[in-house]
Amino acid sequence: MELEERVAALERRLAALEDARRTAPRLGEGDFWALQGFKEQLAELGAPDGGVLFTGAVRLPTGEQYEWQHGALTQGLLDGDWQEAAEAFAALGHPVRLRLLREITGGRRTAAELAELDGVGTTGQIYHHLRQLTAAGWLHTTGRGRHEVPPGRVVPLLVALSAARP
């Protein structure tokens, strides 16, 4: 009898998990579960002007995984110095730099590997673009001429790409 009870308990737990999975919020289904939670936090903070939140759980083609989120209050964003963002946006404003970032997140990490690509320019031009991306914080050098997007910039980069799409 004990075995039957244990099997029945396991079946109930499995059914509950399957039901939870079916009713859990899914991306693209119009369920604003993240927004609702953020609005509750804003209310607790007493932030009448609201705020913004962006977050992500990402696995790159290289297998690297990142989880990240950032929230900011509207008033702080509106009152802040927008000029500070100009360099970061400008660095992303060149098609070759975006291509280099895509290739680097995909696993090509050295200037030599990047120089093998068509349409990215000469080695000198590639180094120029890599310096611009590094100065703006979108890249850093990990040693032996290898470049990577810093962990804290992977999700923001993908958010910027998402925001730029129509």
N, C-alpha and C. Protein backbone atom coordinates (compact mmCIF):
# COMPACT_ATOMS: atom_id res chain seq x y z
N MET A 1 0.81 -1.19 0.00
CA MET A 1 0.00 0.00 0.00
C MET A 1 0.86 1.26 0.00
N GLU A 2 1.96 1.24 0.68
CA GLU A 2 2.83 2.40 0.75
C GLU A 2 3.33 2.78 -0.63
N LEU A 3 3.70 1.81 -1.45
CA LEU A 3 4.18 2.07 -2.80
C LEU A 3 3.09 2.72 -3.63
N GLU A 4 1.87 2.25 -3.54
CA GLU A 4 0.76 2.84 -4.29
C GLU A 4 0.53 4.30 -3.88
N GLU A 5 0.63 4.58 -2.60
CA GLU A 5 0.46 5.95 -2.12
C GLU A 5 1.56 6.85 -2.64
N ARG A 6 2.78 6.36 -2.65
CA ARG A 6 3.91 7.15 -3.14
C ARG A 6 3.77 7.42 -4.63
N VAL A 7 3.36 6.42 -5.41
CA VAL A 7 3.16 6.60 -6.84
C VAL A 7 2.04 7.62 -7.08
N ALA A 8 0.96 7.52 -6.33
CA ALA A 8 -0.16 8.45 -6.47
C ALA A 8 0.29 9.87 -6.14
N ALA A 9 1.11 10.02 -5.10
CA ALA A 9 1.62 11.35 -4.73
C ALA A 9 2.51 11.91 -5.83
N LEU A 10 3.34 11.06 -6.40
CA LEU A 10 4.19 11.50 -7.50
C LEU A 10 3.36 11.90 -8.72
N GLU A 11 2.33 11.17 -9.01
CA GLU A 11 1.46 11.51 -10.14
C GLU A 11 0.78 12.85 -9.91
N ARG A 12 0.33 13.11 -8.67
CA ARG A 12 -0.30 14.40 -8.36
C ARG A 12 0.70 15.55 -8.54
N ARG A 13 1.93 15.34 -8.07
CA ARG A 13 2.95 16.38 -8.20
C ARG A 13 3.29 16.63 -9.66
N LEU A 14 3.39 15.57 -10.47
CA LEU A 14 3.67 15.71 -11.89
C LEU A 14 2.54 16.45 -12.58
N ALA A 15 1.30 16.11 -12.26
CA ALA A 15 0.16 16.81 -12.86
C ALA A 15 0.17 18.28 -12.50
N ALA A 16 0.51 18.60 -11.25
CA ALA A 16 0.56 20.00 -10.82
C ALA A 16 1.65 20.75 -11.58
N LEU A 17 2.81 20.13 -11.77
CA LEU A 17 3.88 20.77 -12.53
C LEU A 17 3.48 20.98 -13.98
N GLU A 18 2.84 20.00 -14.57
CA GLU A 18 2.40 20.15 -15.96
C GLU A 18 1.36 21.26 -16.08
N ASP A 19 0.44 21.36 -15.12
CA ASP A 19 -0.55 22.44 -15.14
C ASP A 19 0.13 23.79 -14.99
N ALA A 20 1.10 23.87 -14.09
CA ALA A 20 1.81 25.14 -13.89
C ALA A 20 2.54 25.55 -15.15
N ARG A 21 3.12 24.59 -15.85
CA ARG A 21 3.85 24.91 -17.07
C ARG A 21 2.89 25.42 -18.15
N ARG A 22 1.70 24.85 -18.22
CA ARG A 22 0.72 25.29 -19.21
C ARG A 22 0.20 26.68 -18.92
N THR A 23 0.12 27.05 -17.63
CA THR A 23 -0.45 28.35 -17.28
C THR A 23 0.60 29.42 -17.03
N ALA A 24 1.88 29.04 -17.04
CA ALA A 24 2.94 30.02 -16.82
C ALA A 24 2.98 31.01 -17.99
N PRO A 25 3.34 32.25 -17.72
CA PRO A 25 3.43 33.24 -18.79
C PRO A 25 4.41 32.80 -19.86
N ARG A 26 4.06 33.04 -21.08
CA ARG A 26 4.90 32.70 -22.22
C ARG A 26 5.23 33.96 -22.99
N LEU A 27 6.44 34.02 -23.51
CA LEU A 27 6.84 35.16 -24.31
C LEU A 27 5.96 35.26 -25.55
N GLY A 28 5.57 36.46 -25.89
CA GLY A 28 4.82 36.68 -27.11
C GLY A 28 3.33 36.44 -27.00
N GLU A 29 2.84 36.07 -25.85
CA GLU A 29 1.42 35.82 -25.70
C GLU A 29 0.67 37.04 -25.13
N GLY A 30 1.34 38.17 -25.03
CA GLY A 30 0.67 39.37 -24.56
C GLY A 30 0.51 39.47 -23.06
N ASP A 31 1.12 38.59 -22.31
CA ASP A 31 1.02 38.60 -20.86
C ASP A 31 2.13 39.49 -20.31
N PHE A 32 1.77 40.55 -19.64
CA PHE A 32 2.75 41.52 -19.14
C PHE A 32 3.17 41.22 -17.71
N TRP A 33 3.56 39.99 -17.44
CA TRP A 33 3.90 39.60 -16.09
C TRP A 33 5.12 40.35 -15.55
N ALA A 34 6.12 40.58 -16.37
CA ALA A 34 7.30 41.34 -15.91
C ALA A 34 6.91 42.78 -15.62
N LEU A 35 6.11 43.35 -16.49
CA LEU A 35 5.65 44.72 -16.31
C LEU A 35 4.83 44.86 -15.03
N GLN A 36 3.94 43.92 -14.79
CA GLN A 36 3.10 44.00 -13.59
C GLN A 36 3.95 43.95 -12.32
N GLY A 37 4.93 43.07 -12.28
CA GLY A 37 5.82 42.99 -11.12
C GLY A 37 6.61 44.27 -10.94
N PHE A 38 7.07 44.84 -12.04
CA PHE A 38 7.83 46.08 -11.97
C PHE A 38 6.94 47.23 -11.47
N LYS A 39 5.72 47.29 -11.95
CA LYS A 39 4.80 48.34 -11.50
C LYS A 39 4.53 48.23 -10.00
N GLU A 40 4.44 47.02 -9.50
CA GLU A 40 4.26 46.82 -8.06
C GLU A 40 5.47 47.35 -7.29
N GLN A 41 6.66 47.08 -7.80
CA GLN A 41 7.86 47.59 -7.14
C GLN A 41 7.92 49.11 -7.19
N LEU A 42 7.53 49.69 -8.31
CA LEU A 42 7.51 51.16 -8.42
C LEU A 42 6.54 51.76 -7.43
N ALA A 43 5.39 51.12 -7.25
CA ALA A 43 4.41 51.61 -6.27
C ALA A 43 4.99 51.55 -4.86
N GLU A 44 5.68 50.47 -4.54
CA GLU A 44 6.31 50.34 -3.22
C GLU A 44 7.36 51.42 -2.99
N LEU A 45 8.06 51.79 -4.07
CA LEU A 45 9.09 52.83 -3.97
C LEU A 45 8.49 54.23 -3.93
N GLY A 46 7.21 54.34 -4.23
CA GLY A 46 6.58 55.66 -4.31
C GLY A 46 7.11 56.47 -5.48
N ALA A 47 7.20 55.82 -6.63
CA ALA A 47 7.72 56.47 -7.85
C ALA A 47 6.54 56.80 -8.77
N PRO A 48 5.93 57.98 -8.60
CA PRO A 48 4.72 58.31 -9.37
C PRO A 48 4.95 58.45 -10.87
N ASP A 49 6.19 58.75 -11.27
CA ASP A 49 6.47 58.93 -12.69
C ASP A 49 6.87 57.63 -13.39
N GLY A 50 6.94 56.54 -12.64
CA GLY A 50 7.25 55.25 -13.23
C GLY A 50 8.73 55.03 -13.46
N GLY A 51 9.02 54.10 -14.34
CA GLY A 51 10.40 53.75 -14.63
C GLY A 51 10.48 52.79 -15.79
N VAL A 52 11.66 52.35 -16.07
CA VAL A 52 11.89 51.37 -17.13
C VAL A 52 12.68 50.20 -16.56
N LEU A 53 12.45 49.04 -17.16
CA LEU A 53 13.14 47.83 -16.76
C LEU A 53 13.49 47.07 -18.01
N PHE A 54 14.74 46.61 -18.09
CA PHE A 54 15.07 45.66 -19.14
C PHE A 54 15.87 44.54 -18.53
N THR A 55 15.63 43.36 -19.06
CA THR A 55 16.20 42.17 -18.47
C THR A 55 16.39 41.11 -19.54
N GLY A 56 17.21 40.13 -19.25
CA GLY A 56 17.39 39.05 -20.21
C GLY A 56 18.14 37.87 -19.61
N ALA A 57 17.88 36.72 -20.19
CA ALA A 57 18.61 35.48 -19.91
C ALA A 57 19.07 34.98 -21.27
N VAL A 58 20.37 34.99 -21.50
CA VAL A 58 20.93 34.82 -22.84
C VAL A 58 21.96 33.69 -22.85
N ARG A 59 21.90 32.89 -23.90
CA ARG A 59 22.97 31.92 -24.18
C ARG A 59 23.51 32.27 -25.56
N LEU A 60 24.78 32.61 -25.63
CA LEU A 60 25.42 32.96 -26.90
C LEU A 60 25.77 31.69 -27.67
N PRO A 61 26.03 31.82 -28.96
CA PRO A 61 26.43 30.65 -29.75
C PRO A 61 27.69 29.96 -29.20
N THR A 62 28.48 30.69 -28.43
CA THR A 62 29.70 30.13 -27.83
C THR A 62 29.40 29.29 -26.59
N GLY A 63 28.13 29.31 -26.14
CA GLY A 63 27.75 28.59 -24.94
C GLY A 63 27.77 29.44 -23.69
N GLU A 64 28.32 30.64 -23.75
CA GLU A 64 28.35 31.53 -22.60
C GLU A 64 26.91 31.94 -22.26
N GLN A 65 26.63 32.01 -20.97
CA GLN A 65 25.29 32.37 -20.52
C GLN A 65 25.35 33.60 -19.63
N TYR A 66 24.35 34.47 -19.82
CA TYR A 66 24.29 35.70 -19.03
C TYR A 66 22.85 35.94 -18.60
N GLU A 67 22.70 36.37 -17.36
CA GLU A 67 21.41 36.82 -16.85
C GLU A 67 21.64 38.21 -16.29
N TRP A 68 20.75 39.11 -16.65
CA TRP A 68 21.01 40.51 -16.31
C TRP A 68 19.70 41.27 -16.28
N GLN A 69 19.61 42.26 -15.40
CA GLN A 69 18.47 43.17 -15.43
C GLN A 69 18.90 44.53 -14.91
N HIS A 70 18.19 45.53 -15.38
CA HIS A 70 18.47 46.90 -14.95
C HIS A 70 17.15 47.66 -14.93
N GLY A 71 16.94 48.38 -13.88
CA GLY A 71 15.76 49.24 -13.76
C GLY A 71 16.21 50.65 -13.44
N ALA A 72 15.45 51.60 -13.92
CA ALA A 72 15.77 53.01 -13.64
C ALA A 72 14.47 53.78 -13.51
N LEU A 73 14.46 54.76 -12.63
CA LEU A 73 13.29 55.61 -12.45
C LEU A 73 13.22 56.66 -13.55
N THR A 74 12.03 56.95 -13.99
CA THR A 74 11.82 57.90 -15.08
C THR A 74 12.46 59.25 -14.78
N GLN A 75 12.21 59.76 -13.59
CA GLN A 75 12.72 61.08 -13.24
C GLN A 75 14.23 61.15 -13.34
N GLY A 76 14.91 60.13 -12.86
CA GLY A 76 16.37 60.11 -12.94
C GLY A 76 16.86 60.08 -14.39
N LEU A 77 16.15 59.38 -15.24
CA LEU A 77 16.53 59.34 -16.65
C LEU A 77 16.28 60.68 -17.34
N LEU A 78 15.14 61.28 -17.07
CA LEU A 78 14.82 62.55 -17.71
C LEU A 78 15.72 63.68 -17.23
N ASP A 79 16.10 63.63 -15.96
CA ASP A 79 16.94 64.69 -15.40
C ASP A 79 18.43 64.48 -15.66
N GLY A 80 18.83 63.27 -16.06
CA GLY A 80 20.24 62.94 -16.25
C GLY A 80 20.83 63.62 -17.47
N ASP A 81 22.14 63.50 -17.59
CA ASP A 81 22.87 64.08 -18.72
C ASP A 81 22.84 63.10 -19.89
N TRP A 82 22.05 63.40 -20.88
CA TRP A 82 21.91 62.51 -22.04
C TRP A 82 23.16 62.52 -22.91
N GLN A 83 23.99 63.54 -22.78
CA GLN A 83 25.22 63.60 -23.56
C GLN A 83 26.15 62.43 -23.25
N GLU A 84 26.07 61.93 -22.01
CA GLU A 84 26.93 60.82 -21.62
C GLU A 84 26.68 59.56 -22.47
N ALA A 85 25.47 59.42 -22.97
CA ALA A 85 25.11 58.25 -23.78
C ALA A 85 25.57 58.36 -25.23
N ALA A 86 25.94 59.55 -25.65
CA ALA A 86 26.26 59.78 -27.06
C ALA A 86 27.39 58.89 -27.56
N GLU A 87 28.45 58.73 -26.78
CA GLU A 87 29.59 57.92 -27.22
C GLU A 87 29.18 56.45 -27.39
N ALA A 88 28.41 55.94 -26.45
CA ALA A 88 27.97 54.54 -26.55
C ALA A 88 27.08 54.33 -27.76
N PHE A 89 26.15 55.26 -28.01
CA PHE A 89 25.28 55.14 -29.18
C PHE A 89 26.08 55.33 -30.47
N ALA A 90 27.01 56.28 -30.47
CA ALA A 90 27.80 56.54 -31.68
C ALA A 90 28.62 55.30 -32.06
N ALA A 91 29.15 54.61 -31.06
CA ALA A 91 29.95 53.42 -31.36
C ALA A 91 29.11 52.35 -32.04
N LEU A 92 27.83 52.30 -31.73
CA LEU A 92 26.94 51.31 -32.35
C LEU A 92 26.40 51.78 -33.69
N GLY A 93 26.68 53.02 -34.05
CA GLY A 93 26.11 53.62 -35.25
C GLY A 93 26.82 53.30 -36.55
N HIS A 94 27.72 52.36 -36.54
CA HIS A 94 28.45 52.01 -37.76
C HIS A 94 28.18 50.54 -38.08
N PRO A 95 27.78 50.24 -39.32
CA PRO A 95 27.45 48.85 -39.66
C PRO A 95 28.60 47.86 -39.46
N VAL A 96 29.83 48.29 -39.69
CA VAL A 96 30.96 47.37 -39.50
C VAL A 96 31.13 47.07 -38.02
N ARG A 97 30.94 48.05 -37.16
CA ARG A 97 31.07 47.81 -35.72
C ARG A 97 30.01 46.84 -35.23
N LEU A 98 28.80 47.00 -35.73
CA LEU A 98 27.74 46.06 -35.35
C LEU A 98 28.09 44.65 -35.84
N ARG A 99 28.62 44.56 -37.02
CA ARG A 99 29.02 43.25 -37.55
C ARG A 99 30.13 42.65 -36.69
N LEU A 100 31.10 43.46 -36.29
CA LEU A 100 32.18 42.97 -35.44
C LEU A 100 31.63 42.47 -34.10
N LEU A 101 30.69 43.21 -33.53
CA LEU A 101 30.08 42.78 -32.26
C LEU A 101 29.36 41.44 -32.45
N ARG A 102 28.62 41.32 -33.55
CA ARG A 102 27.91 40.06 -33.81
C ARG A 102 28.90 38.91 -33.94
N GLU A 103 29.99 39.13 -34.66
CA GLU A 103 30.98 38.07 -34.85
C GLU A 103 31.69 37.72 -33.55
N ILE A 104 31.96 38.72 -32.73
CA ILE A 104 32.63 38.49 -31.45
C ILE A 104 31.72 37.71 -30.51
N THR A 105 30.44 38.06 -30.45
CA THR A 105 29.53 37.29 -29.61
C THR A 105 29.34 35.88 -30.15
N GLY A 106 29.59 35.70 -31.44
CA GLY A 106 29.50 34.37 -32.05
C GLY A 106 30.75 33.53 -31.90
N GLY A 107 31.84 34.12 -31.39
CA GLY A 107 33.03 33.33 -31.11
C GLY A 107 34.30 33.76 -31.80
N ARG A 108 34.22 34.65 -32.79
CA ARG A 108 35.45 35.17 -33.42
C ARG A 108 35.97 36.26 -32.49
N ARG A 109 37.09 36.02 -31.87
CA ARG A 109 37.53 36.92 -30.80
C ARG A 109 38.79 37.70 -31.10
N THR A 110 39.54 37.36 -32.13
CA THR A 110 40.79 38.06 -32.41
C THR A 110 40.66 38.88 -33.68
N ALA A 111 41.52 39.89 -33.81
CA ALA A 111 41.52 40.72 -35.02
C ALA A 111 41.83 39.86 -36.24
N ALA A 112 42.69 38.87 -36.07
CA ALA A 112 43.03 37.99 -37.20
C ALA A 112 41.80 37.22 -37.68
N GLU A 113 41.00 36.71 -36.74
CA GLU A 113 39.77 36.00 -37.12
C GLU A 113 38.78 36.95 -37.79
N LEU A 114 38.70 38.16 -37.28
CA LEU A 114 37.78 39.14 -37.84
C LEU A 114 38.23 39.60 -39.22
N ALA A 115 39.54 39.67 -39.44
CA ALA A 115 40.07 40.11 -40.73
C ALA A 115 39.76 39.11 -41.85
N GLU A 116 39.46 37.87 -41.50
CA GLU A 116 39.11 36.86 -42.50
C GLU A 116 37.73 37.09 -43.11
N LEU A 117 36.93 37.93 -42.47
CA LEU A 117 35.57 38.18 -42.94
C LEU A 117 35.57 39.13 -44.13
N ASP A 118 34.63 38.95 -45.03
CA ASP A 118 34.46 39.87 -46.14
C ASP A 118 33.72 41.12 -45.67
N GLY A 119 34.12 42.26 -46.19
CA GLY A 119 33.38 43.48 -45.96
C GLY A 119 33.63 44.21 -44.66
N VAL A 120 34.65 43.81 -43.89
CA VAL A 120 34.92 44.52 -42.64
C VAL A 120 36.13 45.45 -42.73
N GLY A 121 36.81 45.44 -43.87
CA GLY A 121 37.92 46.36 -44.06
C GLY A 121 39.26 45.73 -43.79
N THR A 122 40.26 46.61 -43.79
CA THR A 122 41.64 46.18 -43.55
C THR A 122 41.86 45.93 -42.07
N THR A 123 42.99 45.33 -41.75
CA THR A 123 43.32 45.09 -40.35
C THR A 123 43.37 46.41 -39.58
N GLY A 124 43.93 47.45 -40.19
CA GLY A 124 43.98 48.77 -39.54
C GLY A 124 42.59 49.31 -39.27
N GLN A 125 41.68 49.15 -40.22
CA GLN A 125 40.30 49.61 -40.02
C GLN A 125 39.61 48.80 -38.93
N ILE A 126 39.87 47.51 -38.90
CA ILE A 126 39.28 46.66 -37.86
C ILE A 126 39.75 47.12 -36.49
N TYR A 127 41.07 47.37 -36.36
CA TYR A 127 41.59 47.84 -35.07
C TYR A 127 40.97 49.18 -34.68
N HIS A 128 40.75 50.05 -35.65
CA HIS A 128 40.10 51.34 -35.37
C HIS A 128 38.71 51.10 -34.79
N HIS A 129 37.93 50.23 -35.41
CA HIS A 129 36.58 49.94 -34.93
C HIS A 129 36.61 49.27 -33.55
N LEU A 130 37.55 48.36 -33.35
CA LEU A 130 37.67 47.70 -32.05
C LEU A 130 38.00 48.71 -30.96
N ARG A 131 38.87 49.69 -31.27
CA ARG A 131 39.20 50.73 -30.29
C ARG A 131 37.98 51.57 -29.96
N GLN A 132 37.18 51.90 -30.97
CA GLN A 132 35.97 52.70 -30.74
C GLN A 132 34.99 51.94 -29.83
N LEU A 133 34.80 50.66 -30.11
CA LEU A 133 33.89 49.84 -29.30
C LEU A 133 34.41 49.65 -27.88
N THR A 134 35.72 49.53 -27.75
CA THR A 134 36.32 49.39 -26.42
C THR A 134 36.19 50.69 -25.63
N ALA A 135 36.47 51.82 -26.28
CA ALA A 135 36.36 53.11 -25.59
C ALA A 135 34.94 53.38 -25.11
N ALA A 136 33.96 52.90 -25.85
CA ALA A 136 32.56 53.11 -25.48
C ALA A 136 32.05 52.06 -24.49
N GLY A 137 32.89 51.07 -24.16
CA GLY A 137 32.50 50.06 -23.18
C GLY A 137 31.80 48.84 -23.75
N TRP A 138 31.66 48.75 -25.06
CA TRP A 138 30.98 47.60 -25.67
C TRP A 138 31.90 46.39 -25.79
N LEU A 139 33.20 46.60 -25.69
CA LEU A 139 34.18 45.52 -25.76
C LEU A 139 35.23 45.72 -24.69
N HIS A 140 35.91 44.64 -24.35
CA HIS A 140 37.17 44.74 -23.62
C HIS A 140 38.10 43.63 -24.12
N THR A 141 39.38 43.85 -23.86
CA THR A 141 40.40 42.91 -24.30
C THR A 141 40.66 41.94 -23.16
N THR A 142 40.70 40.66 -23.50
CA THR A 142 40.89 39.63 -22.47
C THR A 142 42.31 39.09 -22.44
N GLY A 143 43.19 39.65 -23.25
CA GLY A 143 44.58 39.18 -23.30
C GLY A 143 44.85 38.45 -24.60
N ARG A 144 46.09 38.45 -25.01
CA ARG A 144 46.54 37.83 -26.26
C ARG A 144 45.71 38.28 -27.46
N GLY A 145 45.28 39.54 -27.43
CA GLY A 145 44.57 40.10 -28.57
C GLY A 145 43.14 39.62 -28.73
N ARG A 146 42.59 39.03 -27.69
CA ARG A 146 41.22 38.54 -27.75
C ARG A 146 40.27 39.62 -27.22
N HIS A 147 39.12 39.71 -27.86
CA HIS A 147 38.12 40.70 -27.47
C HIS A 147 36.83 39.98 -27.10
N GLU A 148 36.09 40.58 -26.16
CA GLU A 148 34.77 40.05 -25.83
C GLU A 148 33.87 41.18 -25.38
N VAL A 149 32.58 40.96 -25.50
CA VAL A 149 31.60 41.89 -24.96
C VAL A 149 31.57 41.63 -23.46
N PRO A 150 31.78 42.65 -22.63
CA PRO A 150 31.75 42.43 -21.18
C PRO A 150 30.41 41.84 -20.76
N PRO A 151 30.41 40.95 -19.77
CA PRO A 151 29.17 40.31 -19.35
C PRO A 151 28.02 41.29 -19.06
N GLY A 152 28.32 42.43 -18.45
CA GLY A 152 27.29 43.41 -18.14
C GLY A 152 26.78 44.19 -19.33
N ARG A 153 27.34 43.95 -20.50
CA ARG A 153 26.92 44.67 -21.71
C ARG A 153 26.23 43.76 -22.73
N VAL A 154 26.23 42.44 -22.51
CA VAL A 154 25.62 41.52 -23.48
C VAL A 154 24.13 41.79 -23.61
N VAL A 155 23.40 41.75 -22.51
CA VAL A 155 21.95 41.98 -22.57
C VAL A 155 21.63 43.40 -23.01
N PRO A 156 22.31 44.45 -22.50
CA PRO A 156 22.03 45.79 -23.02
C PRO A 156 22.26 45.92 -24.52
N LEU A 157 23.27 45.25 -25.05
CA LEU A 157 23.49 45.27 -26.49
C LEU A 157 22.31 44.66 -27.23
N LEU A 158 21.83 43.52 -26.74
CA LEU A 158 20.69 42.88 -27.39
C LEU A 158 19.41 43.69 -27.21
N VAL A 159 19.28 44.38 -26.07
CA VAL A 159 18.13 45.26 -25.86
C VAL A 159 18.19 46.41 -26.86
N ALA A 160 19.36 47.02 -27.06
CA ALA A 160 19.50 48.11 -28.02
C ALA A 160 19.15 47.63 -29.41
N LEU A 161 19.57 46.44 -29.78
CA LEU A 161 19.22 45.89 -31.09
C LEU A 161 17.71 45.68 -31.20
N SER A 162 17.10 45.18 -30.13
CA SER A 162 15.65 44.97 -30.14
C SER A 162 14.91 46.29 -30.27
N ALA A 163 15.39 47.31 -29.55
CA ALA A 163 14.72 48.62 -29.58
C ALA A 163 14.86 49.28 -30.94
N ALA A 164 15.90 48.95 -31.68
CA ALA A 164 16.13 49.59 -32.99
C ALA A 164 15.29 48.96 -34.10
N ARG A 165 14.70 47.81 -33.82
CA ARG A 165 13.88 47.16 -34.85
C ARG A 165 12.51 47.80 -34.90
N PRO A 166 11.97 47.90 -36.13
CA PRO A 166 10.63 48.50 -36.26
C PRO A 166 9.54 47.66 -35.63
